[in-house]
């Protein structure tokens, strides 16, 4: 298939309707943040995590962050829209180091409103890279003739 890398093509391939920047943030374990939030934090001694709740015009975003050993691992996050419906959630596990960054090895994305659920095993840390320098000509791809376009 050919076409733009946008929310519709991500939904078509991964069955999760996210904008490209949001998908990337979730993939590296740093969920996208709502705009201009106010927030509060609470300590969860049972799980040993800090809970962060951000509220803004888009709704409420809740995160559980593991800060043991000087890390800042977002274990789970959820965005509930202003209408009270969950827009998306993610649960991350098995964090590893990739190019000096802690990233999840496994992520489960859900979008209940769209009845979407995706479990991703990102693969070994040795086969992953972050912030690569890519020459501009790599973004000029001619799709083979006859491919259907993404909807």
Protein backbone atom coordinates (compact mmCIF):
# COMPACT_ATOMS: atom_id res chain seq x y z
CA UNK A 1 0.00 0.00 0.00
CA UNK A 2 1.06 3.58 -0.44
CA UNK A 3 -0.11 6.88 0.99
CA UNK A 4 0.57 9.40 3.73
CA UNK A 5 1.78 8.43 7.21
CA UNK A 6 -1.15 9.78 9.17
CA UNK A 7 -3.74 8.75 11.75
CA UNK A 8 -5.78 6.83 9.17
CA UNK A 9 -2.84 4.81 7.87
CA UNK A 10 -1.68 4.01 11.42
CA UNK A 11 -5.21 2.82 12.21
CA UNK A 12 -5.27 0.73 9.05
CA UNK A 13 -1.95 -1.01 9.77
CA UNK A 14 -1.90 -1.17 13.58
CA UNK A 15 -5.63 -0.90 14.36
CA UNK A 16 -4.98 2.02 16.74
CA UNK A 17 -6.10 5.45 15.54
CA UNK A 18 -3.22 7.67 16.68
CA UNK A 19 -1.44 10.59 15.07
CA UNK A 20 2.14 9.73 14.01
CA UNK A 21 3.76 11.81 16.78
CA UNK A 22 1.48 10.23 19.40
CA UNK A 23 2.26 6.73 18.12
CA UNK A 24 6.00 7.46 18.29
CA UNK A 25 5.73 8.80 21.84
CA UNK A 26 3.86 5.70 22.94
CA UNK A 27 6.40 3.45 21.21
CA UNK A 28 9.31 4.89 23.18
CA UNK A 29 7.44 4.89 26.49
CA UNK A 30 6.76 8.62 26.74
CA UNK A 31 3.02 9.09 26.18
CA UNK A 32 1.85 12.29 24.51
CA UNK A 33 0.72 14.94 26.97
CA UNK A 34 -2.46 16.93 26.81
CA UNK A 35 -2.07 20.65 26.15
CA UNK A 36 -1.85 23.18 28.98
CA UNK A 37 -2.65 20.81 31.84
CA UNK A 38 -2.96 21.34 35.55
CA UNK A 39 -1.95 18.37 37.62
CA UNK A 40 -1.46 16.57 40.86
CA UNK A 41 0.69 13.67 42.02
CA UNK A 42 0.09 10.97 44.60
CA UNK A 43 2.31 8.16 45.86
CA UNK A 44 1.07 4.57 45.55
CA UNK A 45 2.98 2.61 48.20
CA UNK A 46 1.34 -0.68 47.16
CA UNK A 47 2.79 -0.52 43.63
CA UNK A 48 5.77 1.68 44.46
CA UNK A 49 4.86 4.21 41.76
CA UNK A 50 4.01 7.88 41.49
CA UNK A 51 0.57 8.61 40.03
CA UNK A 52 0.27 11.75 37.94
CA UNK A 53 -3.11 13.14 36.94
CA UNK A 54 -3.19 15.89 34.33
CA UNK A 55 -6.39 17.78 33.48
CA UNK A 56 -6.98 20.06 30.51
CA UNK A 57 -9.51 20.95 27.83
CA UNK A 58 -8.92 17.56 26.11
CA UNK A 59 -9.80 15.63 29.26
CA UNK A 60 -7.78 13.84 31.93
CA UNK A 61 -4.55 11.92 31.49
CA UNK A 62 -3.41 9.52 34.20
CA UNK A 63 0.08 8.06 34.41
CA UNK A 64 1.82 5.60 36.72
CA UNK A 65 5.58 6.28 36.82
CA UNK A 66 8.22 4.00 38.32
CA UNK A 67 11.13 6.18 39.49
CA UNK A 68 13.19 3.51 41.23
CA UNK A 69 16.93 3.49 40.61
CA UNK A 70 16.81 6.96 39.06
CA UNK A 71 14.59 5.85 36.16
CA UNK A 72 11.43 7.49 34.90
CA UNK A 73 9.52 4.52 33.44
CA UNK A 74 5.91 5.20 32.45
CA UNK A 75 4.31 1.88 33.35
CA UNK A 76 0.84 2.85 32.20
CA UNK A 77 -1.04 5.86 30.92
CA UNK A 78 -4.63 6.61 29.97
CA UNK A 79 -6.36 9.54 28.30
CA UNK A 80 -10.03 10.04 29.17
CA UNK A 81 -11.66 12.68 26.97
CA UNK A 82 -13.77 15.56 28.19
CA UNK A 83 -16.79 13.40 27.28
CA UNK A 84 -15.74 10.84 29.93
CA UNK A 85 -14.77 8.14 27.40
CA UNK A 86 -11.33 6.54 27.34
CA UNK A 87 -9.55 7.62 24.14
CA UNK A 88 -6.50 5.40 24.57
CA UNK A 89 -4.42 3.64 27.16
CA UNK A 90 -1.02 1.98 27.19
CA UNK A 91 0.70 -0.44 29.56
CA UNK A 92 4.49 -0.80 29.24
CA UNK A 93 6.77 -3.49 30.64
CA UNK A 94 10.29 -4.93 30.51
CA UNK A 95 12.16 -1.63 30.08
CA UNK A 96 15.57 -1.77 28.37
CA UNK A 97 18.30 0.71 27.43
CA UNK A 98 18.49 1.79 23.78
CA UNK A 99 21.03 4.45 22.84
CA UNK A 100 21.00 5.83 26.39
CA UNK A 101 17.18 5.93 26.63
CA UNK A 102 14.94 3.61 28.65
CA UNK A 103 12.21 2.21 26.43
CA UNK A 104 9.63 -0.50 26.95
CA UNK A 105 10.25 -3.90 25.46
CA UNK A 106 6.52 -4.63 25.43
CA UNK A 107 3.54 -2.30 25.12
CA UNK A 108 -0.18 -2.90 25.05
CA UNK A 109 -2.20 -0.14 23.41
CA UNK A 110 -5.98 0.01 23.68
CA UNK A 111 -8.56 2.36 22.28
CA UNK A 112 -11.87 1.16 23.76
CA UNK A 113 -13.98 3.71 21.90
CA UNK A 114 -12.75 2.17 18.64
CA UNK A 115 -12.64 -1.39 20.06
CA UNK A 116 -8.92 -1.56 19.31
CA UNK A 117 -6.27 -3.52 21.20
CA UNK A 118 -2.65 -4.01 20.13
CA UNK A 119 0.12 -5.88 21.95
CA UNK A 120 3.61 -5.01 20.68
CA UNK A 121 6.85 -6.83 21.42
CA UNK A 122 9.37 -4.26 20.19
CA UNK A 123 12.14 -6.87 19.87
CA UNK A 124 15.65 -6.94 21.22
CA UNK A 125 17.38 -3.72 22.25
CA UNK A 126 20.28 -4.59 19.92
CA UNK A 127 17.99 -4.29 16.89
CA UNK A 128 16.51 -0.91 17.84
CA UNK A 129 17.79 2.63 17.49
CA UNK A 130 16.53 6.07 18.46
CA UNK A 131 17.23 9.48 16.91
CA UNK A 132 19.06 8.19 13.86
CA UNK A 133 20.29 10.73 11.36
CA UNK A 134 18.49 9.98 8.13
CA UNK A 135 19.38 11.66 4.86
CA UNK A 136 16.56 13.55 3.13
CA UNK A 137 16.67 11.26 0.06
CA UNK A 138 15.45 8.36 2.25
CA UNK A 139 12.08 10.11 2.46
CA UNK A 140 11.61 10.16 -1.32
CA UNK A 141 10.26 6.74 -2.09
CA UNK A 142 8.48 5.80 -5.26
CA UNK A 143 5.94 3.10 -4.51
CA UNK A 144 5.81 0.23 -6.96
CA UNK A 145 3.14 0.62 -9.63
CA UNK A 146 -0.24 -0.91 -8.90
CA UNK A 147 -0.31 -0.59 -5.08
CA UNK A 148 -3.59 0.37 -3.54
CA UNK A 149 -3.66 3.65 -1.66
CA UNK A 150 -4.27 3.78 2.10
CA UNK A 151 -7.80 4.90 2.86
